[in-house]
Amino acid sequence: MEKWDEELIARLLPHDEELRKQVAAHRKYEEQLEEFNRRPYLTTEEAMEKKRIQKLKLAGRDKIEAILARYRQQS
């Protein structure tokens, strides 16, 4: 994320429950992906789970961006 996005998120987190939920989920997915990336080999099932998490993380990122865009329009 861009620096100004991170600053906006930090400012809005205490006031926006949906944003807080999406950011927490995004961080959880990032941690799970890091765990998969540390493994030298993934089973077929693990590779499929990694792809699923990547898609969830991307969808969450889109939701975060939509929330931020809504706040930018208000400003």
PDB file of N, CA and C in Angstrom:
ATOM      1  N   MET A   1       0.831  -1.180   0.000  1.00  0.00           N
ATOM      2  CA  MET A   1       0.000   0.000   0.000  1.00  0.00           C
ATOM      3  C   MET A   1       0.871   1.237   0.000  1.00  0.00           C
ATOM      4  N   GLU A   2       0.331   2.272  -0.545  1.00  0.00           N
ATOM      5  CA  GLU A   2       1.053   3.540  -0.584  1.00  0.00           C
ATOM      6  C   GLU A   2       1.109   4.153   0.813  1.00  0.00           C
ATOM      7  N   LYS A   3       2.098   4.985   1.043  1.00  0.00           N
ATOM      8  CA  LYS A   3       2.294   5.608   2.354  1.00  0.00           C
ATOM      9  C   LYS A   3       1.072   6.415   2.772  1.00  0.00           C
ATOM     10  N   TRP A   4       0.492   7.190   1.840  1.00  0.00           N
ATOM     11  CA  TRP A   4      -0.665   8.004   2.216  1.00  0.00           C
ATOM     12  C   TRP A   4      -1.882   7.133   2.503  1.00  0.00           C
ATOM     13  N   ASP A   5      -1.987   5.979   1.857  1.00  0.00           N
ATOM     14  CA  ASP A   5      -3.067   5.038   2.172  1.00  0.00           C
ATOM     15  C   ASP A   5      -2.894   4.505   3.591  1.00  0.00           C
ATOM     16  N   GLU A   6      -1.680   4.161   3.953  1.00  0.00           N
ATOM     17  CA  GLU A   6      -1.408   3.652   5.289  1.00  0.00           C
ATOM     18  C   GLU A   6      -1.719   4.710   6.344  1.00  0.00           C
ATOM     19  N   GLU A   7      -1.388   5.960   6.045  1.00  0.00           N
ATOM     20  CA  GLU A   7      -1.680   7.041   6.980  1.00  0.00           C
ATOM     21  C   GLU A   7      -3.184   7.239   7.130  1.00  0.00           C
ATOM     22  N   LEU A   8      -3.907   7.187   6.029  1.00  0.00           N
ATOM     23  CA  LEU A   8      -5.356   7.321   6.065  1.00  0.00           C
ATOM     24  C   LEU A   8      -5.977   6.167   6.841  1.00  0.00           C
ATOM     25  N   ILE A   9      -5.510   4.968   6.608  1.00  0.00           N
ATOM     26  CA  ILE A   9      -6.019   3.800   7.326  1.00  0.00           C
ATOM     27  C   ILE A   9      -5.779   3.960   8.822  1.00  0.00           C
ATOM     28  N   ALA A  10      -4.586   4.375   9.205  1.00  0.00           N
ATOM     29  CA  ALA A  10      -4.263   4.556  10.619  1.00  0.00           C
ATOM     30  C   ALA A  10      -5.192   5.583  11.265  1.00  0.00           C
ATOM     31  N   ARG A  11      -5.531   6.620  10.521  1.00  0.00           N
ATOM     32  CA  ARG A  11      -6.417   7.654  11.043  1.00  0.00           C
ATOM     33  C   ARG A  11      -7.863   7.171  11.163  1.00  0.00           C
ATOM     34  N   LEU A  12      -8.285   6.319  10.230  1.00  0.00           N
ATOM     35  CA  LEU A  12      -9.679   5.895  10.177  1.00  0.00           C
ATOM     36  C   LEU A  12      -9.984   4.646  11.004  1.00  0.00           C
ATOM     37  N   LEU A  13      -8.988   3.834  11.295  1.00  0.00           N
ATOM     38  CA  LEU A  13      -9.219   2.564  11.991  1.00  0.00           C
ATOM     39  C   LEU A  13     -10.045   2.704  13.278  1.00  0.00           C
ATOM     40  N   PRO A  14      -9.751   3.687  14.125  1.00  0.00           N
ATOM     41  CA  PRO A  14     -10.537   3.772  15.366  1.00  0.00           C
ATOM     42  C   PRO A  14     -12.013   4.102  15.138  1.00  0.00           C
ATOM     43  N   HIS A  15     -12.355   4.614  13.954  1.00  0.00           N
ATOM     44  CA  HIS A  15     -13.709   5.106  13.708  1.00  0.00           C
ATOM     45  C   HIS A  15     -14.527   4.253  12.748  1.00  0.00           C
ATOM     46  N   ASP A  16     -13.905   3.304  12.062  1.00  0.00           N
ATOM     47  CA  ASP A  16     -14.612   2.542  11.030  1.00  0.00           C
ATOM     48  C   ASP A  16     -14.456   1.040  11.277  1.00  0.00           C
ATOM     49  N   GLU A  17     -15.526   0.434  11.749  1.00  0.00           N
ATOM     50  CA  GLU A  17     -15.504  -0.993  12.088  1.00  0.00           C
ATOM     51  C   GLU A  17     -15.249  -1.863  10.860  1.00  0.00           C
ATOM     52  N   GLU A  18     -15.875  -1.542   9.733  1.00  0.00           N
ATOM     53  CA  GLU A  18     -15.695  -2.341   8.513  1.00  0.00           C
ATOM     54  C   GLU A  18     -14.237  -2.281   8.037  1.00  0.00           C
ATOM     55  N   LEU A  19     -13.654  -1.107   8.072  1.00  0.00           N
ATOM     56  CA  LEU A  19     -12.251  -0.963   7.678  1.00  0.00           C
ATOM     57  C   LEU A  19     -11.366  -1.766   8.624  1.00  0.00           C
ATOM     58  N   ARG A  20     -11.632  -1.678   9.903  1.00  0.00           N
ATOM     59  CA  ARG A  20     -10.843  -2.414  10.890  1.00  0.00           C
ATOM     60  C   ARG A  20     -10.930  -3.922  10.625  1.00  0.00           C
ATOM     61  N   LYS A  21     -12.124  -4.398  10.313  1.00  0.00           N
ATOM     62  CA  LYS A  21     -12.338  -5.819  10.022  1.00  0.00           C
ATOM     63  C   LYS A  21     -11.571  -6.242   8.768  1.00  0.00           C
ATOM     64  N   GLN A  22     -11.633  -5.440   7.720  1.00  0.00           N
ATOM     65  CA  GLN A  22     -10.959  -5.771   6.465  1.00  0.00           C
ATOM     66  C   GLN A  22      -9.442  -5.749   6.612  1.00  0.00           C
ATOM     67  N   VAL A  23      -8.926  -4.776   7.343  1.00  0.00           N
ATOM     68  CA  VAL A  23      -7.474  -4.677   7.551  1.00  0.00           C
ATOM     69  C   VAL A  23      -6.975  -5.870   8.364  1.00  0.00           C
ATOM     70  N   ALA A  24      -7.732  -6.266   9.390  1.00  0.00           N
ATOM     71  CA  ALA A  24      -7.342  -7.414  10.207  1.00  0.00           C
ATOM     72  C   ALA A  24      -7.326  -8.690   9.357  1.00  0.00           C
ATOM     73  N   ALA A  25      -8.337  -8.866   8.524  1.00  0.00           N
ATOM     74  CA  ALA A  25      -8.394 -10.046   7.660  1.00  0.00           C
ATOM     75  C   ALA A  25      -7.231 -10.032   6.667  1.00  0.00           C
ATOM     76  N   HIS A  26      -6.937  -8.872   6.101  1.00  0.00           N
ATOM     77  CA  HIS A  26      -5.842  -8.737   5.142  1.00  0.00           C
ATOM     78  C   HIS A  26      -4.517  -9.132   5.784  1.00  0.00           C
ATOM     79  N   ARG A  27      -4.305  -8.677   7.001  1.00  0.00           N
ATOM     80  CA  ARG A  27      -3.065  -9.018   7.718  1.00  0.00           C
ATOM     81  C   ARG A  27      -2.995 -10.507   8.021  1.00  0.00           C
ATOM     82  N   LYS A  28      -4.134 -11.107   8.386  1.00  0.00           N
ATOM     83  CA  LYS A  28      -4.177 -12.546   8.661  1.00  0.00           C
ATOM     84  C   LYS A  28      -3.820 -13.336   7.409  1.00  0.00           C
ATOM     85  N   TYR A  29      -4.384 -12.939   6.273  1.00  0.00           N
ATOM     86  CA  TYR A  29      -4.075 -13.622   5.013  1.00  0.00           C
ATOM     87  C   TYR A  29      -2.603 -13.461   4.661  1.00  0.00           C
ATOM     88  N   GLU A  30      -2.057 -12.292   4.910  1.00  0.00           N
ATOM     89  CA  GLU A  30      -0.643 -12.052   4.627  1.00  0.00           C
ATOM     90  C   GLU A  30       0.230 -12.989   5.463  1.00  0.00           C
ATOM     91  N   GLU A  31      -0.100 -13.164   6.724  1.00  0.00           N
ATOM     92  CA  GLU A  31       0.660 -14.067   7.587  1.00  0.00           C
ATOM     93  C   GLU A  31       0.565 -15.510   7.094  1.00  0.00           C
ATOM     94  N   GLN A  32      -0.631 -15.915   6.674  1.00  0.00           N
ATOM     95  CA  GLN A  32      -0.804 -17.274   6.165  1.00  0.00           C
ATOM     96  C   GLN A  32       0.011 -17.487   4.895  1.00  0.00           C
ATOM     97  N   LEU A  33       0.027 -16.492   4.024  1.00  0.00           N
ATOM     98  CA  LEU A  33       0.800 -16.617   2.789  1.00  0.00           C
ATOM     99  C   LEU A  33       2.294 -16.666   3.076  1.00  0.00           C
ATOM    100  N   GLU A  34       2.745 -15.889   4.051  1.00  0.00           N
ATOM    101  CA  GLU A  34       4.157 -15.933   4.424  1.00  0.00           C
ATOM    102  C   GLU A  34       4.534 -17.324   4.916  1.00  0.00           C
ATOM    103  N   GLU A  35       3.634 -17.959   5.651  1.00  0.00           N
ATOM    104  CA  GLU A  35       3.890 -19.322   6.125  1.00  0.00           C
ATOM    105  C   GLU A  35       4.038 -20.280   4.939  1.00  0.00           C
ATOM    106  N   PHE A  36       3.159 -20.184   3.966  1.00  0.00           N
ATOM    107  CA  PHE A  36       3.263 -21.029   2.776  1.00  0.00           C
ATOM    108  C   PHE A  36       4.568 -20.743   2.029  1.00  0.00           C
ATOM    109  N   ASN A  37       4.955 -19.468   1.956  1.00  0.00           N
ATOM    110  CA  ASN A  37       6.166 -19.100   1.212  1.00  0.00           C
ATOM    111  C   ASN A  37       7.449 -19.597   1.887  1.00  0.00           C
ATOM    112  N   ARG A  38       7.400 -19.855   3.174  1.00  0.00           N
ATOM    113  CA  ARG A  38       8.582 -20.373   3.882  1.00  0.00           C
ATOM    114  C   ARG A  38       8.799 -21.859   3.617  1.00  0.00           C
ATOM    115  N   ARG A  39       7.782 -22.520   3.144  1.00  0.00           N
ATOM    116  CA  ARG A  39       7.894 -23.964   2.909  1.00  0.00           C
ATOM    117  C   ARG A  39       8.604 -24.230   1.582  1.00  0.00           C
ATOM    118  N   PRO A  40       9.503 -25.187   1.581  1.00  0.00           N
ATOM    119  CA  PRO A  40      10.222 -25.485   0.329  1.00  0.00           C
ATOM    120  C   PRO A  40       9.345 -26.207  -0.691  1.00  0.00           C
ATOM    121  N   TYR A  41       8.310 -26.883  -0.206  1.00  0.00           N
ATOM    122  CA  TYR A  41       7.451 -27.645  -1.104  1.00  0.00           C
ATOM    123  C   TYR A  41       6.024 -27.591  -0.584  1.00  0.00           C
ATOM    124  N   LEU A  42       5.061 -27.454  -1.500  1.00  0.00           N
ATOM    125  CA  LEU A  42       3.652 -27.468  -1.129  1.00  0.00           C
ATOM    126  C   LEU A  42       2.973 -28.664  -1.775  1.00  0.00           C
ATOM    127  N   THR A  43       2.115 -29.318  -1.001  1.00  0.00           N
ATOM    128  CA  THR A  43       1.307 -30.379  -1.581  1.00  0.00           C
ATOM    129  C   THR A  43       0.286 -29.729  -2.515  1.00  0.00           C
ATOM    130  N   THR A  44      -0.397 -30.523  -3.279  1.00  0.00           N
ATOM    131  CA  THR A  44      -1.428 -29.998  -4.174  1.00  0.00           C
ATOM    132  C   THR A  44      -2.484 -29.254  -3.378  1.00  0.00           C
ATOM    133  N   GLU A  45      -2.892 -29.820  -2.260  1.00  0.00           N
ATOM    134  CA  GLU A  45      -3.904 -29.191  -1.415  1.00  0.00           C
ATOM    135  C   GLU A  45      -3.407 -27.860  -0.847  1.00  0.00           C
ATOM    136  N   GLU A  46      -2.147 -27.843  -0.420  1.00  0.00           N
ATOM    137  CA  GLU A  46      -1.573 -26.607   0.124  1.00  0.00           C
ATOM    138  C   GLU A  46      -1.472 -25.538  -0.964  1.00  0.00           C
ATOM    139  N   ALA A  47      -1.090 -25.933  -2.156  1.00  0.00           N
ATOM    140  CA  ALA A  47      -1.002 -24.979  -3.266  1.00  0.00           C
ATOM    141  C   ALA A  47      -2.376 -24.402  -3.587  1.00  0.00           C
ATOM    142  N   MET A  48      -3.399 -25.242  -3.546  1.00  0.00           N
ATOM    143  CA  MET A  48      -4.761 -24.758  -3.796  1.00  0.00           C
ATOM    144  C   MET A  48      -5.219 -23.813  -2.682  1.00  0.00           C
ATOM    145  N   GLU A  49      -4.872 -24.144  -1.448  1.00  0.00           N
ATOM    146  CA  GLU A  49      -5.223 -23.277  -0.314  1.00  0.00           C
ATOM    147  C   GLU A  49      -4.498 -21.940  -0.421  1.00  0.00           C
ATOM    148  N   LYS A  50      -3.238 -21.985  -0.846  1.00  0.00           N
ATOM    149  CA  LYS A  50      -2.479 -20.746  -1.024  1.00  0.00           C
ATOM    150  C   LYS A  50      -3.155 -19.859  -2.072  1.00  0.00           C
ATOM    151  N   LYS A  51      -3.586 -20.438  -3.179  1.00  0.00           N
ATOM    152  CA  LYS A  51      -4.286 -19.674  -4.224  1.00  0.00           C
ATOM    153  C   LYS A  51      -5.579 -19.084  -3.685  1.00  0.00           C
ATOM    154  N   ARG A  52      -6.309 -19.870  -2.885  1.00  0.00           N
ATOM    155  CA  ARG A  52      -7.577 -19.393  -2.315  1.00  0.00           C
ATOM    156  C   ARG A  52      -7.327 -18.194  -1.404  1.00  0.00           C
ATOM    157  N   ILE A  53      -6.291 -18.287  -0.579  1.00  0.00           N
ATOM    158  CA  ILE A  53      -5.964 -17.194   0.339  1.00  0.00           C
ATOM    159  C   ILE A  53      -5.525 -15.962  -0.449  1.00  0.00           C
ATOM    160  N   GLN A  54      -4.757 -16.157  -1.509  1.00  0.00           N
ATOM    161  CA  GLN A  54      -4.342 -15.022  -2.345  1.00  0.00           C
ATOM    162  C   GLN A  54      -5.559 -14.293  -2.911  1.00  0.00           C
ATOM    163  N   LYS A  55      -6.547 -15.050  -3.342  1.00  0.00           N
ATOM    164  CA  LYS A  55      -7.767 -14.438  -3.891  1.00  0.00           C
ATOM    165  C   LYS A  55      -8.542 -13.699  -2.813  1.00  0.00           C
ATOM    166  N   LEU A  56      -8.629 -14.290  -1.619  1.00  0.00           N
ATOM    167  CA  LEU A  56      -9.318 -13.625  -0.515  1.00  0.00           C
ATOM    168  C   LEU A  56      -8.604 -12.334  -0.120  1.00  0.00           C
ATOM    169  N   LYS A  57      -7.279 -12.402  -0.109  1.00  0.00           N
ATOM    170  CA  LYS A  57      -6.482 -11.219   0.241  1.00  0.00           C
ATOM    171  C   LYS A  57      -6.701 -10.103  -0.786  1.00  0.00           C
ATOM    172  N   LEU A  58      -6.720 -10.474  -2.059  1.00  0.00           N
ATOM    173  CA  LEU A  58      -6.937  -9.492  -3.115  1.00  0.00           C
ATOM    174  C   LEU A  58      -8.335  -8.893  -3.025  1.00  0.00           C
ATOM    175  N   ALA A  59      -9.325  -9.723  -2.761  1.00  0.00           N
ATOM    176  CA  ALA A  59     -10.698  -9.219  -2.618  1.00  0.00           C
ATOM    177  C   ALA A  59     -10.792  -8.273  -1.425  1.00  0.00           C
ATOM    178  N   GLY A  60     -10.102  -8.606  -0.351  1.00  0.00           N
ATOM    179  CA  GLY A  60     -10.077  -7.734   0.821  1.00  0.00           C
ATOM    180  C   GLY A  60      -9.398  -6.412   0.525  1.00  0.00           C
ATOM    181  N   ARG A  61      -8.344  -6.477  -0.245  1.00  0.00           N
ATOM    182  CA  ARG A  61      -7.636  -5.250  -0.642  1.00  0.00           C
ATOM    183  C   ARG A  61      -8.569  -4.346  -1.449  1.00  0.00           C
ATOM    184  N   ASP A  62      -9.356  -4.956  -2.338  1.00  0.00           N
ATOM    185  CA  ASP A  62     -10.321  -4.180  -3.122  1.00  0.00           C
ATOM    186  C   ASP A  62     -11.351  -3.518  -2.219  1.00  0.00           C
ATOM    187  N   LYS A  63     -11.801  -4.219  -1.180  1.00  0.00           N
ATOM    188  CA  LYS A  63     -12.771  -3.646  -0.243  1.00  0.00           C
ATOM    189  C   LYS A  63     -12.157  -2.496   0.533  1.00  0.00           C
ATOM    190  N   ILE A  64     -10.899  -2.664   0.953  1.00  0.00           N
ATOM    191  CA  ILE A  64     -10.202  -1.584   1.661  1.00  0.00           C
ATOM    192  C   ILE A  64     -10.089  -0.367   0.757  1.00  0.00           C
ATOM    193  N   GLU A  65      -9.706  -0.581  -0.494  1.00  0.00           N
ATOM    194  CA  GLU A  65      -9.583   0.523  -1.443  1.00  0.00           C
ATOM    195  C   GLU A  65     -10.922   1.230  -1.651  1.00  0.00           C
ATOM    196  N   ALA A  66     -12.005   0.466  -1.693  1.00  0.00           N
ATOM    197  CA  ALA A  66     -13.334   1.064  -1.868  1.00  0.00           C
ATOM    198  C   ALA A  66     -13.697   1.923  -0.658  1.00  0.00           C
ATOM    199  N   ILE A  67     -13.380   1.452   0.528  1.00  0.00           N
ATOM    200  CA  ILE A  67     -13.649   2.237   1.745  1.00  0.00           C
ATOM    201  C   ILE A  67     -12.835   3.520   1.729  1.00  0.00           C
ATOM    202  N   LEU A  68     -11.558   3.413   1.371  1.00  0.00           N
ATOM    203  CA  LEU A  68     -10.708   4.602   1.316  1.00  0.00           C
ATOM    204  C   LEU A  68     -11.198   5.589   0.258  1.00  0.00           C
ATOM    205  N   ALA A  69     -11.647   5.080  -0.882  1.00  0.00           N
ATOM    206  CA  ALA A  69     -12.161   5.944  -1.938  1.00  0.00           C
ATOM    207  C   ALA A  69     -13.397   6.703  -1.450  1.00  0.00           C
ATOM    208  N   ARG A  70     -14.227   6.030  -0.685  1.00  0.00           N
ATOM    209  CA  ARG A  70     -15.427   6.670  -0.148  1.00  0.00           C
ATOM    210  C   ARG A  70     -15.037   7.843   0.759  1.00  0.00           C
ATOM    211  N   TYR A  71     -14.022   7.637   1.607  1.00  0.00           N
ATOM    212  CA  TYR A  71     -13.568   8.712   2.476  1.00  0.00           C
ATOM    213  C   TYR A  71     -12.910   9.853   1.688  1.00  0.00           C
ATOM    214  N   ARG A  72     -12.189   9.502   0.641  1.00  0.00           N
ATOM    215  CA  ARG A  72     -11.552  10.541  -0.174  1.00  0.00           C
ATOM    216  C   ARG A  72     -12.592  11.425  -0.853  1.00  0.00           C
ATOM    217  N   GLN A  73     -13.698  10.824  -1.290  1.00  0.00           N
ATOM    218  CA  GLN A  73     -14.759  11.601  -1.932  1.00  0.00           C
ATOM    219  C   GLN A  73     -15.417  12.567  -0.960  1.00  0.00           C
ATOM    220  N   GLN A  74     -15.488  12.171   0.294  1.00  0.00           N
ATOM    221  CA  GLN A  74     -16.105  13.027   1.312  1.00  0.00           C
ATOM    222  C   GLN A  74     -15.234  14.227   1.628  1.00  0.00           C
ATOM    223  N   SER A  75     -13.932  14.079   1.413  1.00  0.00           N
ATOM    224  CA  SER A  75     -12.989  15.168   1.768  1.00  0.00           C
ATOM    225  C   SER A  75     -12.984  16.241   0.721  1.00  0.00           C
TER     226      SER A  75
END
